[in-house]
Protein backbone atom coordinates (compact mmCIF):
# COMPACT_ATOMS: atom_id res chain seq x y z
CA MET A 1 158.46 131.99 158.37
CA LYS A 2 157.96 134.00 161.57
CA LEU A 3 158.80 132.62 164.99
CA SER A 4 155.58 131.67 166.79
CA ILE A 5 155.25 132.59 170.44
CA PHE A 6 152.49 131.36 172.72
CA ILE A 7 151.69 133.37 175.85
CA ILE A 8 149.86 131.77 178.78
CA GLU A 9 148.99 134.68 181.10
CA ASP A 10 145.80 135.50 183.02
CA ASN A 11 146.44 139.20 183.65
CA GLU A 12 145.01 141.26 180.78
CA GLN A 13 147.50 144.11 181.19
CA ASN A 14 150.46 141.73 181.16
CA MET A 15 149.02 139.89 178.16
CA TYR A 16 148.53 143.18 176.32
CA LEU A 17 152.09 144.34 177.04
CA LEU A 18 153.71 141.04 175.99
CA THR A 19 151.59 140.83 172.86
CA TYR A 20 152.33 144.46 171.98
CA LEU A 21 156.09 143.88 172.32
CA LEU A 22 156.05 140.70 170.22
CA GLU A 23 153.32 140.93 167.59
CA GLU A 24 155.12 143.19 165.13
CA LYS A 25 157.90 140.68 164.56
CA TYR A 26 156.43 137.33 165.64
CA THR A 27 153.22 135.31 165.37
CA VAL A 28 151.56 135.45 168.80
CA TYR A 29 148.98 133.07 170.30
CA GLN A 30 147.28 133.62 173.66
CA ALA A 31 145.63 131.68 176.46
CA PHE A 32 144.40 132.97 179.80
CA ASN A 33 144.47 129.70 181.80
CA GLY A 34 146.25 126.37 181.97
CA PRO A 35 143.74 123.94 180.46
CA SER A 36 143.17 126.06 177.37
CA GLY A 37 146.89 126.82 177.26
CA ILE A 38 147.78 123.14 177.08
CA ALA A 39 145.13 122.48 174.41
CA ILE A 40 146.21 125.43 172.26
CA ALA A 41 149.90 124.58 172.63
CA LYS A 42 149.23 121.03 171.41
CA GLU A 43 147.22 122.36 168.47
CA LYS A 44 149.50 125.24 167.40
CA ARG A 45 152.90 123.76 168.34
CA PRO A 46 154.53 127.16 168.91
CA ASP A 47 158.27 127.72 168.71
CA VAL A 48 158.35 129.30 172.19
CA ILE A 49 156.00 129.32 175.19
CA LEU A 50 155.91 132.23 177.65
CA LEU A 51 154.30 131.02 180.86
CA ASP A 52 153.08 132.83 183.95
CA ILE A 53 153.29 130.75 187.14
CA GLN A 54 150.32 132.11 189.07
CA LEU A 55 147.31 131.14 186.96
CA PRO A 56 143.71 130.10 187.66
CA GLU A 57 142.75 126.42 187.55
CA MET A 58 146.35 125.16 187.10
CA ASP A 59 149.57 126.81 188.15
CA GLY A 60 152.55 127.23 185.83
CA TYR A 61 154.40 124.34 187.47
CA ALA A 62 151.63 121.89 186.52
CA ILE A 63 151.31 123.42 183.05
CA ALA A 64 155.06 123.14 182.39
CA ALA A 65 155.07 119.52 183.53
CA ALA A 66 152.04 118.70 181.35
CA LEU A 67 153.62 120.37 178.32
CA ARG A 68 156.85 118.45 178.86
CA ALA A 69 154.88 115.21 179.07
CA SER A 70 153.39 115.93 175.63
CA GLY A 71 155.58 114.31 173.00
CA ASP A 72 155.22 117.17 170.51
CA LEU A 73 156.26 119.83 173.03
CA MET A 74 159.09 118.10 174.90
CA GLU A 75 161.77 120.29 173.28
CA THR A 76 159.79 123.54 173.00
CA PRO A 77 161.43 126.30 175.05
CA ILE A 78 159.23 127.32 177.98
CA ILE A 79 160.14 130.64 179.54
CA ALA A 80 158.53 131.53 182.85
CA VAL A 81 157.56 135.21 182.93
CA THR A 82 156.48 135.73 186.49
CA SER A 83 156.38 137.89 189.57
CA TYR A 84 157.27 134.83 191.65
CA ALA A 85 160.71 135.88 192.80
CA MET A 86 161.07 134.17 196.16
CA VAL A 87 164.03 131.97 196.99
CA GLY A 88 163.50 128.64 195.25
CA ASP A 89 160.85 129.79 192.75
CA ARG A 90 163.29 129.83 189.83
CA GLU A 91 164.59 126.38 190.70
CA ARG A 92 161.09 124.99 191.12
CA ILE A 93 159.84 126.16 187.70
CA MET A 94 163.06 125.02 186.04
CA ALA A 95 162.59 121.58 187.64
CA ALA A 96 159.03 121.51 186.27
CA GLY A 97 160.36 121.95 182.74
CA ALA A 98 161.03 125.64 182.06
CA THR A 99 164.14 126.53 180.08
CA GLY A 100 164.27 130.16 181.22
CA TYR A 101 162.95 132.61 183.80
CA ILE A 102 162.20 136.33 183.45
CA GLU A 103 160.99 138.30 186.46
CA LYS A 104 158.09 140.74 186.34
CA PRO A 105 157.78 143.60 186.05
CA ILE A 106 159.47 143.13 182.70
CA ASP A 107 161.68 145.77 181.14
CA PRO A 108 160.08 146.43 177.73
CA ASP A 109 163.42 147.55 176.29
CA MET A 110 165.15 144.34 177.34
CA PHE A 111 162.38 141.74 177.15
CA ILE A 112 162.90 140.42 173.62
CA SER A 113 166.66 140.07 174.07
CA GLN A 114 166.09 138.31 177.41
CA MET A 115 163.64 135.93 175.76
CA ILE A 116 165.98 135.20 172.86
CA SER A 117 168.84 134.45 175.27
CA PHE A 118 166.97 131.33 176.42
CA LEU A 119 166.44 129.91 172.93
CA PRO A 120 168.53 127.23 171.24
CA GLU A 121 170.69 128.46 168.33
CA PRO A 122 168.30 127.61 165.46
CA LEU A 123 165.50 129.55 167.16
CA LYS A 124 167.82 132.44 168.05
CA THR A 125 168.58 132.78 164.34
CA LYS A 126 164.87 132.60 163.45
CA ALA A 127 164.00 135.12 166.19
CA SER A 128 166.60 137.57 164.95
CA ALA A 129 165.63 137.31 161.26
């Protein structure tokens, strides 16, 4: 079974690029804001969540905290994919529940390997299959 990856990203170009990079090998779900992102994540229970920080309605910090508070998603890797690169941003999203952090603009040649580096061993094996 394919690894399922859920992208929560409001920028259409970023969503397109991430989806394009991932969809050949993985099952990809999408949401463009926090409330729908939380609802879809609870419904689909993806293997990995890629989360932008700057989103409408709810920021990534609140989304990460809400996902961590959901029993079914407590252990799901959440990787922040964001242009927030100020001092303290990485620490703040990690404290909110993220397990990894990738800065935008992403490097398309390196993105999948960066993402996989933040996964626990069983998911790394599934991602590489």
